[in-house]
Amino acid sequence: MSEIFTVFGAQGPLGLSVVKAFAKSYKVKALVLDNSDLDSFRGLDNVTPHQLNVDKPDELKDLLEGSKGVFITTYTEFDSLDGYNSEVSLGKKISEACKRAEVEHVIYNNTLSVVQVLGLR
């Protein structure tokens, strides 16, 4: 179990489910935006939570170092004036960091419709 998978959005329902599934076979870096979400990972074997700052490209690349794969889940704020541009900018930052860190596999998911259907926002 030496391969590492990194999960963006690990604090949300989908991200946490992915963390738990990957942790059965891989080491997992669980990336969260807020330190208050780190408690979600207590007691999970093979999971190391990290706070993420996407505005620091070198830090982002360092977090991805050694990862065989990355799972990215995002939520676009289409009701915000800059939601689309923010989503595109975030995607570019993450994809550039994945390339620099030589990540082999990238899985991308946007949960906009699920969030709207379930009334989570």
N, C-alpha and C. Protein backbone atom coordinates (compact mmCIF):
# COMPACT_ATOMS: atom_id res chain seq x y z
N MET A 1 0.83 -1.19 0.00
CA MET A 1 0.00 0.00 0.00
C MET A 1 0.87 1.24 0.00
N SER A 2 1.71 1.38 -0.99
CA SER A 2 2.61 2.53 -1.03
C SER A 2 2.10 3.63 -1.97
N GLU A 3 1.11 3.34 -2.80
CA GLU A 3 0.61 4.36 -3.72
C GLU A 3 -0.27 5.36 -2.97
N ILE A 4 -0.18 6.61 -3.41
CA ILE A 4 -0.91 7.70 -2.76
C ILE A 4 -1.93 8.28 -3.72
N PHE A 5 -3.15 8.49 -3.23
CA PHE A 5 -4.17 9.23 -3.96
C PHE A 5 -4.49 10.47 -3.14
N THR A 6 -4.69 11.58 -3.83
CA THR A 6 -5.02 12.84 -3.18
C THR A 6 -6.44 13.20 -3.55
N VAL A 7 -7.20 13.64 -2.55
CA VAL A 7 -8.62 13.96 -2.76
C VAL A 7 -8.86 15.42 -2.42
N PHE A 8 -9.26 16.20 -3.42
CA PHE A 8 -9.69 17.59 -3.22
C PHE A 8 -11.15 17.57 -2.80
N GLY A 9 -11.56 18.50 -1.96
CA GLY A 9 -12.95 18.54 -1.53
C GLY A 9 -13.28 17.38 -0.61
N ALA A 10 -12.29 16.94 0.15
CA ALA A 10 -12.43 15.75 0.98
C ALA A 10 -13.42 15.94 2.13
N GLN A 11 -13.76 17.18 2.46
CA GLN A 11 -14.64 17.42 3.58
C GLN A 11 -16.12 17.26 3.23
N GLY A 12 -16.46 17.29 1.96
CA GLY A 12 -17.87 17.18 1.56
C GLY A 12 -18.33 15.74 1.52
N PRO A 13 -19.64 15.52 1.32
CA PRO A 13 -20.18 14.16 1.32
C PRO A 13 -19.54 13.25 0.27
N LEU A 14 -19.38 13.75 -0.94
CA LEU A 14 -18.77 12.94 -2.00
C LEU A 14 -17.29 12.72 -1.73
N GLY A 15 -16.58 13.79 -1.42
CA GLY A 15 -15.14 13.69 -1.17
C GLY A 15 -14.82 12.75 -0.03
N LEU A 16 -15.59 12.83 1.06
CA LEU A 16 -15.35 11.96 2.21
C LEU A 16 -15.61 10.49 1.85
N SER A 17 -16.63 10.26 1.03
CA SER A 17 -16.90 8.89 0.57
C SER A 17 -15.75 8.35 -0.27
N VAL A 18 -15.19 9.21 -1.12
CA VAL A 18 -14.05 8.81 -1.95
C VAL A 18 -12.84 8.53 -1.07
N VAL A 19 -12.60 9.37 -0.09
CA VAL A 19 -11.48 9.16 0.84
C VAL A 19 -11.61 7.79 1.50
N LYS A 20 -12.78 7.48 2.02
CA LYS A 20 -12.99 6.21 2.71
C LYS A 20 -12.79 5.02 1.76
N ALA A 21 -13.27 5.14 0.52
CA ALA A 21 -13.12 4.05 -0.45
C ALA A 21 -11.65 3.86 -0.84
N PHE A 22 -10.95 4.95 -1.15
CA PHE A 22 -9.54 4.86 -1.54
C PHE A 22 -8.68 4.36 -0.39
N ALA A 23 -9.03 4.71 0.85
CA ALA A 23 -8.22 4.34 2.01
C ALA A 23 -8.18 2.83 2.24
N LYS A 24 -9.07 2.11 1.62
CA LYS A 24 -9.05 0.65 1.75
C LYS A 24 -7.87 0.03 1.00
N SER A 25 -7.38 0.74 -0.04
CA SER A 25 -6.32 0.19 -0.88
C SER A 25 -5.10 1.10 -1.04
N TYR A 26 -5.22 2.37 -0.65
CA TYR A 26 -4.15 3.33 -0.89
C TYR A 26 -3.95 4.22 0.32
N LYS A 27 -2.80 4.89 0.36
CA LYS A 27 -2.61 6.00 1.28
C LYS A 27 -3.35 7.18 0.67
N VAL A 28 -4.00 7.99 1.49
CA VAL A 28 -4.82 9.09 0.97
C VAL A 28 -4.41 10.41 1.64
N LYS A 29 -4.20 11.42 0.80
CA LYS A 29 -4.06 12.79 1.28
C LYS A 29 -5.42 13.44 1.09
N ALA A 30 -6.06 13.81 2.20
CA ALA A 30 -7.40 14.42 2.17
C ALA A 30 -7.24 15.93 2.28
N LEU A 31 -7.55 16.65 1.20
CA LEU A 31 -7.35 18.10 1.17
C LEU A 31 -8.64 18.83 1.51
N VAL A 32 -8.54 19.75 2.46
CA VAL A 32 -9.70 20.55 2.89
C VAL A 32 -9.32 22.02 2.87
N LEU A 33 -10.31 22.88 2.75
CA LEU A 33 -10.07 24.32 2.72
C LEU A 33 -10.02 24.92 4.12
N ASP A 34 -10.63 24.25 5.07
CA ASP A 34 -10.78 24.80 6.41
C ASP A 34 -10.32 23.79 7.45
N ASN A 35 -9.46 24.21 8.36
CA ASN A 35 -8.94 23.31 9.40
C ASN A 35 -10.03 22.72 10.28
N SER A 36 -11.20 23.38 10.37
CA SER A 36 -12.26 22.85 11.21
C SER A 36 -12.80 21.53 10.68
N ASP A 37 -12.51 21.22 9.41
CA ASP A 37 -12.98 19.98 8.80
C ASP A 37 -12.05 18.80 9.06
N LEU A 38 -10.93 19.01 9.70
CA LEU A 38 -9.95 17.94 9.89
C LEU A 38 -10.46 16.83 10.81
N ASP A 39 -11.39 17.14 11.69
CA ASP A 39 -11.92 16.12 12.60
C ASP A 39 -12.66 15.01 11.86
N SER A 40 -13.13 15.27 10.66
CA SER A 40 -13.86 14.26 9.88
C SER A 40 -13.01 13.02 9.59
N PHE A 41 -11.71 13.15 9.70
CA PHE A 41 -10.81 12.07 9.30
C PHE A 41 -10.21 11.31 10.47
N ARG A 42 -10.58 11.67 11.68
CA ARG A 42 -10.06 10.95 12.87
C ARG A 42 -10.48 9.49 12.81
N GLY A 43 -9.53 8.63 13.09
CA GLY A 43 -9.83 7.20 13.13
C GLY A 43 -9.80 6.51 11.78
N LEU A 44 -9.57 7.24 10.71
CA LEU A 44 -9.49 6.61 9.39
C LEU A 44 -8.04 6.20 9.13
N ASP A 45 -7.83 4.92 8.92
CA ASP A 45 -6.49 4.42 8.61
C ASP A 45 -6.07 4.87 7.22
N ASN A 46 -4.80 5.12 7.04
CA ASN A 46 -4.19 5.45 5.74
C ASN A 46 -4.60 6.83 5.22
N VAL A 47 -5.17 7.68 6.07
CA VAL A 47 -5.63 9.01 5.64
C VAL A 47 -4.87 10.09 6.40
N THR A 48 -4.31 11.03 5.63
CA THR A 48 -3.63 12.18 6.21
C THR A 48 -4.31 13.44 5.71
N PRO A 49 -4.99 14.18 6.60
CA PRO A 49 -5.64 15.42 6.17
C PRO A 49 -4.65 16.57 6.06
N HIS A 50 -4.91 17.45 5.11
CA HIS A 50 -4.07 18.63 4.89
C HIS A 50 -4.98 19.81 4.57
N GLN A 51 -4.65 20.97 5.14
CA GLN A 51 -5.36 22.18 4.74
C GLN A 51 -4.78 22.66 3.42
N LEU A 52 -5.65 23.11 2.54
CA LEU A 52 -5.26 23.48 1.18
C LEU A 52 -5.40 24.98 0.97
N ASN A 53 -4.42 25.58 0.34
CA ASN A 53 -4.52 26.96 -0.11
C ASN A 53 -4.21 26.96 -1.60
N VAL A 54 -5.25 27.03 -2.43
CA VAL A 54 -5.07 26.93 -3.88
C VAL A 54 -4.41 28.15 -4.47
N ASP A 55 -4.26 29.20 -3.68
CA ASP A 55 -3.60 30.40 -4.19
C ASP A 55 -2.08 30.35 -4.03
N LYS A 56 -1.56 29.24 -3.54
CA LYS A 56 -0.11 29.06 -3.41
C LYS A 56 0.30 27.87 -4.27
N PRO A 57 0.66 28.11 -5.54
CA PRO A 57 0.97 27.03 -6.48
C PRO A 57 2.07 26.07 -6.01
N ASP A 58 3.11 26.59 -5.36
CA ASP A 58 4.19 25.71 -4.89
C ASP A 58 3.70 24.79 -3.79
N GLU A 59 2.87 25.32 -2.90
CA GLU A 59 2.30 24.50 -1.83
C GLU A 59 1.39 23.42 -2.43
N LEU A 60 0.62 23.79 -3.43
CA LEU A 60 -0.27 22.84 -4.10
C LEU A 60 0.53 21.72 -4.75
N LYS A 61 1.60 22.07 -5.45
CA LYS A 61 2.45 21.06 -6.08
C LYS A 61 3.06 20.15 -5.02
N ASP A 62 3.52 20.72 -3.90
CA ASP A 62 4.11 19.92 -2.83
C ASP A 62 3.10 18.91 -2.27
N LEU A 63 1.84 19.31 -2.13
CA LEU A 63 0.82 18.40 -1.63
C LEU A 63 0.56 17.25 -2.60
N LEU A 64 0.78 17.50 -3.89
CA LEU A 64 0.52 16.48 -4.91
C LEU A 64 1.72 15.57 -5.16
N GLU A 65 2.89 15.96 -4.69
CA GLU A 65 4.10 15.16 -4.89
C GLU A 65 3.87 13.72 -4.42
N GLY A 66 4.26 12.78 -5.25
CA GLY A 66 4.16 11.37 -4.90
C GLY A 66 2.80 10.75 -5.13
N SER A 67 1.82 11.56 -5.54
CA SER A 67 0.47 11.03 -5.77
C SER A 67 0.39 10.33 -7.11
N LYS A 68 -0.14 9.12 -7.10
CA LYS A 68 -0.39 8.40 -8.35
C LYS A 68 -1.64 8.95 -9.02
N GLY A 69 -2.61 9.35 -8.20
CA GLY A 69 -3.86 9.86 -8.74
C GLY A 69 -4.45 10.94 -7.87
N VAL A 70 -5.35 11.71 -8.49
CA VAL A 70 -6.01 12.82 -7.81
C VAL A 70 -7.49 12.77 -8.14
N PHE A 71 -8.32 12.94 -7.12
CA PHE A 71 -9.76 13.07 -7.30
C PHE A 71 -10.13 14.51 -6.94
N ILE A 72 -10.79 15.20 -7.87
CA ILE A 72 -11.14 16.60 -7.67
C ILE A 72 -12.65 16.73 -7.73
N THR A 73 -13.23 17.29 -6.69
CA THR A 73 -14.65 17.60 -6.74
C THR A 73 -14.81 19.08 -6.39
N THR A 74 -15.61 19.77 -7.16
CA THR A 74 -15.79 21.20 -6.96
C THR A 74 -17.27 21.55 -6.99
N TYR A 75 -17.57 22.73 -6.56
CA TYR A 75 -18.93 23.27 -6.63
C TYR A 75 -18.84 24.66 -7.21
N THR A 76 -19.47 24.87 -8.34
CA THR A 76 -19.44 26.17 -8.99
C THR A 76 -20.56 27.03 -8.45
N GLU A 77 -20.22 28.23 -8.06
CA GLU A 77 -21.20 29.20 -7.58
C GLU A 77 -21.71 30.00 -8.78
N PHE A 78 -22.64 29.41 -9.56
CA PHE A 78 -23.13 30.10 -10.74
C PHE A 78 -23.96 31.32 -10.39
N ASP A 79 -24.47 31.40 -9.18
CA ASP A 79 -25.25 32.58 -8.80
C ASP A 79 -24.34 33.74 -8.38
N SER A 80 -23.04 33.49 -8.30
CA SER A 80 -22.11 34.58 -8.01
C SER A 80 -21.65 35.17 -9.34
N LEU A 81 -21.27 36.43 -9.33
CA LEU A 81 -20.87 37.11 -10.55
C LEU A 81 -19.61 36.51 -11.16
N ASP A 82 -18.74 35.96 -10.33
CA ASP A 82 -17.47 35.46 -10.83
C ASP A 82 -17.36 33.93 -10.70
N GLY A 83 -18.48 33.24 -10.52
CA GLY A 83 -18.46 31.80 -10.29
C GLY A 83 -17.78 31.02 -11.40
N TYR A 84 -18.13 31.30 -12.63
CA TYR A 84 -17.56 30.58 -13.76
C TYR A 84 -16.06 30.80 -13.85
N ASN A 85 -15.65 32.06 -13.80
CA ASN A 85 -14.22 32.38 -13.90
C ASN A 85 -13.42 31.78 -12.75
N SER A 86 -14.01 31.79 -11.57
CA SER A 86 -13.36 31.20 -10.41
C SER A 86 -13.16 29.69 -10.60
N GLU A 87 -14.18 29.03 -11.15
CA GLU A 87 -14.10 27.58 -11.40
C GLU A 87 -13.00 27.27 -12.42
N VAL A 88 -12.95 28.03 -13.50
CA VAL A 88 -11.94 27.82 -14.54
C VAL A 88 -10.54 28.07 -13.98
N SER A 89 -10.39 29.13 -13.21
CA SER A 89 -9.09 29.46 -12.61
C SER A 89 -8.63 28.34 -11.67
N LEU A 90 -9.54 27.84 -10.84
CA LEU A 90 -9.21 26.75 -9.93
C LEU A 90 -8.80 25.50 -10.70
N GLY A 91 -9.53 25.17 -11.75
CA GLY A 91 -9.20 24.01 -12.57
C GLY A 91 -7.83 24.11 -13.19
N LYS A 92 -7.50 25.30 -13.67
CA LYS A 92 -6.17 25.51 -14.27
C LYS A 92 -5.06 25.36 -13.24
N LYS A 93 -5.27 25.93 -12.06
CA LYS A 93 -4.25 25.83 -11.00
C LYS A 93 -4.01 24.37 -10.62
N ILE A 94 -5.10 23.62 -10.45
CA ILE A 94 -4.96 22.22 -10.04
C ILE A 94 -4.33 21.39 -11.16
N SER A 95 -4.78 21.61 -12.41
CA SER A 95 -4.22 20.81 -13.51
C SER A 95 -2.75 21.12 -13.74
N GLU A 96 -2.35 22.37 -13.61
CA GLU A 96 -0.94 22.72 -13.76
C GLU A 96 -0.10 22.09 -12.64
N ALA A 97 -0.63 22.09 -11.43
CA ALA A 97 0.09 21.47 -10.31
C ALA A 97 0.19 19.96 -10.50
N CYS A 98 -0.87 19.34 -11.02
CA CYS A 98 -0.84 17.89 -11.28
C CYS A 98 0.24 17.56 -12.32
N LYS A 99 0.32 18.40 -13.34
CA LYS A 99 1.32 18.17 -14.39
C LYS A 99 2.73 18.31 -13.81
N ARG A 100 2.96 19.37 -13.03
CA ARG A 100 4.29 19.58 -12.45
C ARG A 100 4.67 18.47 -11.47
N ALA A 101 3.67 17.90 -10.78
CA ALA A 101 3.93 16.83 -9.82
C ALA A 101 3.93 15.45 -10.48
N GLU A 102 3.70 15.43 -11.81
CA GLU A 102 3.70 14.19 -12.59
C GLU A 102 2.68 13.16 -12.09
N VAL A 103 1.47 13.66 -11.79
CA VAL A 103 0.37 12.79 -11.39
C VAL A 103 -0.10 12.01 -12.61
N GLU A 104 -0.28 10.69 -12.47
CA GLU A 104 -0.66 9.84 -13.60
C GLU A 104 -2.16 9.86 -13.91
N HIS A 105 -2.99 9.93 -12.88
CA HIS A 105 -4.44 9.82 -13.07
C HIS A 105 -5.14 10.99 -12.40
N VAL A 106 -6.08 11.61 -13.13
CA VAL A 106 -6.87 12.70 -12.57
C VAL A 106 -8.35 12.40 -12.84
N ILE A 107 -9.14 12.42 -11.78
CA ILE A 107 -10.58 12.24 -11.88
C ILE A 107 -11.22 13.55 -11.46
N TYR A 108 -12.05 14.13 -12.34
CA TYR A 108 -12.68 15.42 -12.05
C TYR A 108 -14.19 15.25 -11.96
N ASN A 109 -14.76 15.88 -10.96
CA ASN A 109 -16.21 15.83 -10.77
C ASN A 109 -16.70 17.20 -10.33
N ASN A 110 -17.79 17.65 -10.89
CA ASN A 110 -18.44 18.87 -10.45
C ASN A 110 -19.81 18.47 -9.92
N THR A 111 -20.12 18.86 -8.70
CA THR A 111 -21.34 18.39 -8.05
C THR A 111 -22.48 19.40 -8.09
N LEU A 112 -22.44 20.33 -9.01
CA LEU A 112 -23.46 21.38 -9.03
C LEU A 112 -24.87 20.80 -9.05
N SER A 113 -25.18 19.91 -9.99
CA SER A 113 -26.55 19.44 -10.11
C SER A 113 -26.97 18.63 -8.88
N VAL A 114 -26.08 17.84 -8.32
CA VAL A 114 -26.40 17.06 -7.14
C VAL A 114 -26.72 17.98 -5.97
N VAL A 115 -25.93 19.00 -5.79
CA VAL A 115 -26.15 19.94 -4.70
C VAL A 115 -27.49 20.64 -4.87
N GLN A 116 -27.82 21.05 -6.09
CA GLN A 116 -29.10 21.71 -6.32
C GLN A 116 -30.27 20.76 -6.11
N VAL A 117 -30.19 19.56 -6.64
CA VAL A 117 -31.28 18.59 -6.53
C VAL A 117 -31.56 18.24 -5.07
N LEU A 118 -30.50 18.07 -4.28
CA LEU A 118 -30.66 17.70 -2.87
C LEU A 118 -30.95 18.89 -1.98
N GLY A 119 -30.88 20.10 -2.54
CA GLY A 119 -31.16 21.28 -1.75
C GLY A 119 -30.13 21.55 -0.67
N LEU A 120 -28.88 21.17 -0.94
CA LEU A 120 -27.83 21.35 0.05
C LEU A 120 -27.32 22.78 0.14
N ARG A 121 -27.64 23.60 -0.82
CA ARG A 121 -27.23 25.02 -0.78
C ARG A 121 -28.39 25.89 -1.09
